[in-house]
Amino acid sequence: MEVIAHPDIWAPKYVRRDGETEEQYIGIPFVRGELESLGAHFNLVREPVRITDRIITTGEIPMLSGYEEIENNLFVKEADVLQPDRLADDLALVIDTDFGLVVILGCAHRGIINTLRHAQRLTGKELVYAVIGGTHLFLASDERIEQTIAALKEIGIQRLGVSHCTGFHASARLAQEFEGIFFLNNAGTRLTLP
């Protein structure tokens, strides 16, 4: 089985949570060789990968918006020294449909709007029909949430399904602003697109 991912997925990643003095390992808990022995083939690339003529991975997502930023409590260990994690390995999947782009987010650490704008540039298509996945807004300020809402409205999304890392506060605001198109994308959710 081919696994398309960024080379940084194997970096030793850590988090330092509020009130804790020591970092906790949050990287992949498996050894690459073990997964390969089970049939995984890793295609590690920084660039977008075209899976079909209508499906593409984002590759590295540029940080372009002025308000989306990576949390300062995430680290990668390099030569036994913790460095801020740029999370260049945060990817999304873009499906180019007849009714617009469908973007499936991983965790959107590099920003949901940065991800959507990058998907638009990659495909040359402006219409983003649906956004599904983690938006990583659970620690976002009210100002950032409002800027995200304004940008999502400008993009003109028709379906918004948020997951795990969106957080209750941001989910409630998004549900309020996108009534009728918002849904919680929990495990087992089914979505029929036109």
C-alpha atoms as a PDB file:
ATOM      1  CA  MET A   1       0.000   0.000   0.000  1.00  0.00           C
ATOM      2  CA  GLU A   2       1.367   3.384  -0.989  1.00  0.00           C
ATOM      3  CA  VAL A   3       1.395   6.042   1.726  1.00  0.00           C
ATOM      4  CA  ILE A   4       1.842   9.567   0.369  1.00  0.00           C
ATOM      5  CA  ALA A   5       3.285  11.852   3.013  1.00  0.00           C
ATOM      6  CA  HIS A   6       5.804  14.584   3.714  1.00  0.00           C
ATOM      7  CA  PRO A   7       9.310  13.471   4.781  1.00  0.00           C
ATOM      8  CA  ASP A   8       8.823  15.200   8.157  1.00  0.00           C
ATOM      9  CA  ILE A   9       6.288  12.590   9.285  1.00  0.00           C
ATOM     10  CA  TRP A  10       9.226  10.650  10.758  1.00  0.00           C
ATOM     11  CA  ALA A  11      10.627  13.635  12.677  1.00  0.00           C
ATOM     12  CA  PRO A  12      10.596  13.241  16.469  1.00  0.00           C
ATOM     13  CA  LYS A  13       7.724  15.557  17.435  1.00  0.00           C
ATOM     14  CA  TYR A  14       6.879  16.878  20.887  1.00  0.00           C
ATOM     15  CA  VAL A  15       4.340  19.086  22.638  1.00  0.00           C
ATOM     16  CA  ARG A  16       4.703  21.118  25.823  1.00  0.00           C
ATOM     17  CA  ARG A  17       1.244  21.521  27.331  1.00  0.00           C
ATOM     18  CA  ASP A  18       0.261  24.405  29.617  1.00  0.00           C
ATOM     19  CA  GLY A  19       1.435  23.900  33.158  1.00  0.00           C
ATOM     20  CA  GLU A  20       3.795  21.047  32.275  1.00  0.00           C
ATOM     21  CA  THR A  21       7.564  21.339  32.513  1.00  0.00           C
ATOM     22  CA  GLU A  22       8.448  18.397  30.277  1.00  0.00           C
ATOM     23  CA  GLU A  23       7.615  17.781  26.660  1.00  0.00           C
ATOM     24  CA  GLN A  24       5.532  14.798  25.616  1.00  0.00           C
ATOM     25  CA  TYR A  25       6.354  12.765  22.512  1.00  0.00           C
ATOM     26  CA  ILE A  26       3.528  12.991  19.961  1.00  0.00           C
ATOM     27  CA  GLY A  27       5.243  11.664  16.829  1.00  0.00           C
ATOM     28  CA  ILE A  28       4.424   8.477  14.953  1.00  0.00           C
ATOM     29  CA  PRO A  29       4.548   5.619  17.472  1.00  0.00           C
ATOM     30  CA  PHE A  30       5.724   3.052  14.903  1.00  0.00           C
ATOM     31  CA  VAL A  31       9.059   2.183  13.361  1.00  0.00           C
ATOM     32  CA  ARG A  32       9.118   2.778   9.616  1.00  0.00           C
ATOM     33  CA  GLY A  33      10.708  -0.595   8.874  1.00  0.00           C
ATOM     34  CA  GLU A  34       7.984  -2.385  10.808  1.00  0.00           C
ATOM     35  CA  LEU A  35       5.262  -0.715   8.731  1.00  0.00           C
ATOM     36  CA  GLU A  36       7.136  -1.448   5.525  1.00  0.00           C
ATOM     37  CA  SER A  37       7.408  -5.106   6.520  1.00  0.00           C
ATOM     38  CA  LEU A  38       3.606  -5.114   6.745  1.00  0.00           C
ATOM     39  CA  GLY A  39       3.297  -3.830   3.168  1.00  0.00           C
ATOM     40  CA  ALA A  40       3.463  -0.052   3.446  1.00  0.00           C
ATOM     41  CA  HIS A  41       5.414   1.797   0.764  1.00  0.00           C
ATOM     42  CA  PHE A  42       6.174   5.405   1.726  1.00  0.00           C
ATOM     43  CA  ASN A  43       6.177   8.019  -1.016  1.00  0.00           C
ATOM     44  CA  LEU A  44       7.716  10.916   0.928  1.00  0.00           C
ATOM     45  CA  VAL A  45       7.497  14.184  -0.998  1.00  0.00           C
ATOM     46  CA  ARG A  46       7.280  17.893  -0.260  1.00  0.00           C
ATOM     47  CA  GLU A  47       5.437  18.704  -3.478  1.00  0.00           C
ATOM     48  CA  PRO A  48       1.803  18.007  -4.394  1.00  0.00           C
ATOM     49  CA  VAL A  49       1.126  14.506  -5.720  1.00  0.00           C
ATOM     50  CA  ARG A  50      -1.489  13.964  -8.417  1.00  0.00           C
ATOM     51  CA  ILE A  51      -3.310  10.735  -7.524  1.00  0.00           C
ATOM     52  CA  THR A  52      -5.772  10.912 -10.425  1.00  0.00           C
ATOM     53  CA  ASP A  53      -6.640  13.664 -12.898  1.00  0.00           C
ATOM     54  CA  ARG A  54      -9.099  15.009 -10.282  1.00  0.00           C
ATOM     55  CA  ILE A  55      -7.429  14.191  -6.944  1.00  0.00           C
ATOM     56  CA  ILE A  56      -4.246  15.839  -5.670  1.00  0.00           C
ATOM     57  CA  THR A  57      -2.447  16.219  -2.358  1.00  0.00           C
ATOM     58  CA  THR A  58      -1.485  19.740  -1.371  1.00  0.00           C
ATOM     59  CA  GLY A  59       2.173  19.153  -0.630  1.00  0.00           C
ATOM     60  CA  GLU A  60       3.596  21.827   1.667  1.00  0.00           C
ATOM     61  CA  ILE A  61       1.072  24.564   2.374  1.00  0.00           C
ATOM     62  CA  PRO A  62       2.510  28.097   2.366  1.00  0.00           C
ATOM     63  CA  MET A  63       1.796  30.372   5.317  1.00  0.00           C
ATOM     64  CA  LEU A  64       0.249  33.383   3.568  1.00  0.00           C
ATOM     65  CA  SER A  65      -2.564  34.743   5.735  1.00  0.00           C
ATOM     66  CA  GLY A  66      -1.475  37.194   8.376  1.00  0.00           C
ATOM     67  CA  TYR A  67      -3.617  35.702  11.129  1.00  0.00           C
ATOM     68  CA  GLU A  68      -3.090  31.952  10.834  1.00  0.00           C
ATOM     69  CA  GLU A  69      -0.128  30.748  12.823  1.00  0.00           C
ATOM     70  CA  ILE A  70       1.319  27.578  14.259  1.00  0.00           C
ATOM     71  CA  GLU A  71       1.154  27.139  18.027  1.00  0.00           C
ATOM     72  CA  ASN A  72       4.406  27.805  19.869  1.00  0.00           C
ATOM     73  CA  ASN A  73       4.123  24.669  22.027  1.00  0.00           C
ATOM     74  CA  LEU A  74       4.900  22.217  19.212  1.00  0.00           C
ATOM     75  CA  PHE A  75       8.477  21.099  18.670  1.00  0.00           C
ATOM     76  CA  VAL A  76      10.678  18.806  16.664  1.00  0.00           C
ATOM     77  CA  LYS A  77      13.901  17.406  18.120  1.00  0.00           C
ATOM     78  CA  GLU A  78      16.990  18.059  16.002  1.00  0.00           C
ATOM     79  CA  ALA A  79      20.358  16.888  17.360  1.00  0.00           C
ATOM     80  CA  ASP A  80      18.814  16.550  20.850  1.00  0.00           C
ATOM     81  CA  VAL A  81      17.605  20.171  20.778  1.00  0.00           C
ATOM     82  CA  LEU A  82      13.932  21.106  20.572  1.00  0.00           C
ATOM     83  CA  GLN A  83      13.148  23.469  17.691  1.00  0.00           C
ATOM     84  CA  PRO A  84       9.755  24.980  16.802  1.00  0.00           C
ATOM     85  CA  ASP A  85       7.837  22.615  14.531  1.00  0.00           C
ATOM     86  CA  ARG A  86       6.879  24.320  11.252  1.00  0.00           C
ATOM     87  CA  LEU A  87       4.449  21.453  10.597  1.00  0.00           C
ATOM     88  CA  ALA A  88       5.385  21.343   6.923  1.00  0.00           C
ATOM     89  CA  ASP A  89       4.002  17.790   6.945  1.00  0.00           C
ATOM     90  CA  ASP A  90       0.425  19.052   7.390  1.00  0.00           C
ATOM     91  CA  LEU A  91      -1.257  18.023   4.124  1.00  0.00           C
ATOM     92  CA  ALA A  92      -4.768  18.044   2.703  1.00  0.00           C
ATOM     93  CA  LEU A  93      -6.478  16.210  -0.134  1.00  0.00           C
ATOM     94  CA  VAL A  94      -8.132  18.186  -2.929  1.00  0.00           C
ATOM     95  CA  ILE A  95     -10.844  16.649  -5.121  1.00  0.00           C
ATOM     96  CA  ASP A  96     -11.754  18.620  -8.242  1.00  0.00           C
ATOM     97  CA  THR A  97     -15.438  17.860  -8.885  1.00  0.00           C
ATOM     98  CA  ASP A  98     -17.868  19.210 -11.472  1.00  0.00           C
ATOM     99  CA  PHE A  99     -19.543  21.275  -8.719  1.00  0.00           C
ATOM    100  CA  GLY A 100     -16.379  22.711  -7.154  1.00  0.00           C
ATOM    101  CA  LEU A 101     -13.414  21.682  -5.054  1.00  0.00           C
ATOM    102  CA  VAL A 102     -13.853  19.353  -2.100  1.00  0.00           C
ATOM    103  CA  VAL A 103     -10.991  19.796   0.352  1.00  0.00           C
ATOM    104  CA  ILE A 104     -10.378  17.152   2.994  1.00  0.00           C
ATOM    105  CA  LEU A 105      -8.276  18.590   5.782  1.00  0.00           C
ATOM    106  CA  GLY A 106      -5.992  16.626   8.060  1.00  0.00           C
ATOM    107  CA  CYS A 107      -5.651  18.997  10.978  1.00  0.00           C
ATOM    108  CA  ALA A 108      -5.035  22.315   9.155  1.00  0.00           C
ATOM    109  CA  HIS A 109      -2.139  23.239  11.438  1.00  0.00           C
ATOM    110  CA  ARG A 110      -0.959  25.641   8.730  1.00  0.00           C
ATOM    111  CA  GLY A 111      -4.421  27.241   8.625  1.00  0.00           C
ATOM    112  CA  ILE A 112      -7.705  26.348   6.978  1.00  0.00           C
ATOM    113  CA  ILE A 113      -7.647  29.478   4.810  1.00  0.00           C
ATOM    114  CA  ASN A 114      -4.004  28.971   3.817  1.00  0.00           C
ATOM    115  CA  THR A 115      -4.979  25.421   2.834  1.00  0.00           C
ATOM    116  CA  LEU A 116      -8.010  26.484   0.793  1.00  0.00           C
ATOM    117  CA  ARG A 117      -6.136  29.272  -1.000  1.00  0.00           C
ATOM    118  CA  HIS A 118      -3.353  26.809  -1.808  1.00  0.00           C
ATOM    119  CA  ALA A 119      -5.910  24.316  -3.185  1.00  0.00           C
ATOM    120  CA  GLN A 120      -7.323  27.061  -5.402  1.00  0.00           C
ATOM    121  CA  ARG A 121      -3.857  27.919  -6.735  1.00  0.00           C
ATOM    122  CA  LEU A 122      -2.977  24.256  -7.345  1.00  0.00           C
ATOM    123  CA  THR A 123      -6.105  23.543  -9.354  1.00  0.00           C
ATOM    124  CA  GLY A 124      -6.720  26.930 -10.933  1.00  0.00           C
ATOM    125  CA  LYS A 125     -10.322  26.666  -9.648  1.00  0.00           C
ATOM    126  CA  GLU A 126     -11.916  29.276  -7.393  1.00  0.00           C
ATOM    127  CA  LEU A 127     -15.102  27.528  -6.279  1.00  0.00           C
ATOM    128  CA  VAL A 128     -14.610  25.523  -3.085  1.00  0.00           C
ATOM    129  CA  TYR A 129     -17.805  23.545  -2.596  1.00  0.00           C
ATOM    130  CA  ALA A 130     -16.975  21.616   0.575  1.00  0.00           C
ATOM    131  CA  VAL A 131     -14.412  21.658   3.359  1.00  0.00           C
ATOM    132  CA  ILE A 132     -14.267  18.605   5.590  1.00  0.00           C
ATOM    133  CA  GLY A 133     -11.950  17.780   8.487  1.00  0.00           C
ATOM    134  CA  GLY A 134      -9.997  19.285  11.330  1.00  0.00           C
ATOM    135  CA  THR A 135      -9.637  23.072  11.305  1.00  0.00           C
ATOM    136  CA  HIS A 136      -7.294  23.394  14.295  1.00  0.00           C
ATOM    137  CA  LEU A 137      -9.180  26.339  15.745  1.00  0.00           C
ATOM    138  CA  PHE A 138      -9.563  24.984  19.288  1.00  0.00           C
ATOM    139  CA  LEU A 139      -6.933  27.422  20.641  1.00  0.00           C
ATOM    140  CA  ALA A 140      -7.729  30.253  18.211  1.00  0.00           C
ATOM    141  CA  SER A 141      -8.572  33.726  19.450  1.00  0.00           C
ATOM    142  CA  ASP A 142     -12.013  35.166  18.772  1.00  0.00           C
ATOM    143  CA  GLU A 143     -10.361  37.542  16.303  1.00  0.00           C
ATOM    144  CA  ARG A 144      -8.837  34.676  14.321  1.00  0.00           C
ATOM    145  CA  ILE A 145     -12.140  32.779  14.307  1.00  0.00           C
ATOM    146  CA  GLU A 146     -13.939  35.855  12.953  1.00  0.00           C
ATOM    147  CA  GLN A 147     -11.268  36.373  10.276  1.00  0.00           C
ATOM    148  CA  THR A 148     -11.625  32.713   9.302  1.00  0.00           C
ATOM    149  CA  ILE A 149     -15.407  33.060   9.067  1.00  0.00           C
ATOM    150  CA  ALA A 150     -15.061  36.146   6.857  1.00  0.00           C
ATOM    151  CA  ALA A 151     -12.617  34.350   4.554  1.00  0.00           C
ATOM    152  CA  LEU A 152     -14.825  31.241   4.334  1.00  0.00           C
ATOM    153  CA  LYS A 153     -17.767  33.443   3.347  1.00  0.00           C
ATOM    154  CA  GLU A 154     -15.622  35.182   0.730  1.00  0.00           C
ATOM    155  CA  ILE A 155     -14.585  31.796  -0.681  1.00  0.00           C
ATOM    156  CA  GLY A 156     -18.279  30.850  -0.824  1.00  0.00           C
ATOM    157  CA  ILE A 157     -18.211  27.333   0.613  1.00  0.00           C
ATOM    158  CA  GLN A 158     -21.444  25.330   0.406  1.00  0.00           C
ATOM    159  CA  ARG A 159     -20.698  22.572   2.973  1.00  0.00           C
ATOM    160  CA  LEU A 160     -18.517  22.779   6.099  1.00  0.00           C
ATOM    161  CA  GLY A 161     -17.913  19.630   8.144  1.00  0.00           C
ATOM    162  CA  VAL A 162     -15.531  20.154  11.054  1.00  0.00           C
ATOM    163  CA  SER A 163     -13.772  17.520  13.119  1.00  0.00           C
ATOM    164  CA  HIS A 164     -11.613  16.795  16.153  1.00  0.00           C
ATOM    165  CA  CYS A 165      -9.337  19.832  16.506  1.00  0.00           C
ATOM    166  CA  THR A 166     -11.889  22.550  15.755  1.00  0.00           C
ATOM    167  CA  GLY A 167     -12.973  22.799  19.367  1.00  0.00           C
ATOM    168  CA  PHE A 168     -16.378  23.552  20.878  1.00  0.00           C
ATOM    169  CA  HIS A 169     -16.136  27.357  20.825  1.00  0.00           C
ATOM    170  CA  ALA A 170     -15.050  27.596  17.178  1.00  0.00           C
ATOM    171  CA  SER A 171     -17.540  24.890  16.154  1.00  0.00           C
ATOM    172  CA  ALA A 172     -20.376  26.828  17.797  1.00  0.00           C
ATOM    173  CA  ARG A 173     -19.399  30.055  15.992  1.00  0.00           C
ATOM    174  CA  LEU A 174     -19.061  28.264  12.652  1.00  0.00           C
ATOM    175  CA  ALA A 175     -22.437  26.551  13.156  1.00  0.00           C
ATOM    176  CA  GLN A 176     -24.002  29.916  13.917  1.00  0.00           C
ATOM    177  CA  GLU A 177     -22.509  31.618  10.846  1.00  0.00           C
ATOM    178  CA  PHE A 178     -22.969  28.736   8.412  1.00  0.00           C
ATOM    179  CA  GLU A 179     -26.426  27.544   9.425  1.00  0.00           C
ATOM    180  CA  GLY A 180     -27.729  24.927   7.050  1.00  0.00           C
ATOM    181  CA  ILE A 181     -24.329  24.053   5.583  1.00  0.00           C
ATOM    182  CA  PHE A 182     -22.382  23.316   8.787  1.00  0.00           C
ATOM    183  CA  PHE A 183     -22.144  19.833  10.270  1.00  0.00           C
ATOM    184  CA  LEU A 184     -20.014  18.014  12.820  1.00  0.00           C
ATOM    185  CA  ASN A 185     -17.901  15.499  10.932  1.00  0.00           C
ATOM    186  CA  ASN A 186     -17.622  12.782  13.547  1.00  0.00           C
ATOM    187  CA  ALA A 187     -16.579   9.178  13.010  1.00  0.00           C
ATOM    188  CA  GLY A 188     -19.263   7.448  10.974  1.00  0.00           C
ATOM    189  CA  THR A 189     -20.617  10.613   9.362  1.00  0.00           C
ATOM    190  CA  ARG A 190     -21.824  10.119   5.782  1.00  0.00           C
ATOM    191  CA  LEU A 191     -22.007  12.959   3.323  1.00  0.00           C
ATOM    192  CA  THR A 192     -23.651  12.816  -0.081  1.00  0.00           C
ATOM    193  CA  LEU A 193     -22.397  15.462  -2.462  1.00  0.00           C
ATOM    194  CA  PRO A 194     -24.281  16.517  -5.596  1.00  0.00           C
END
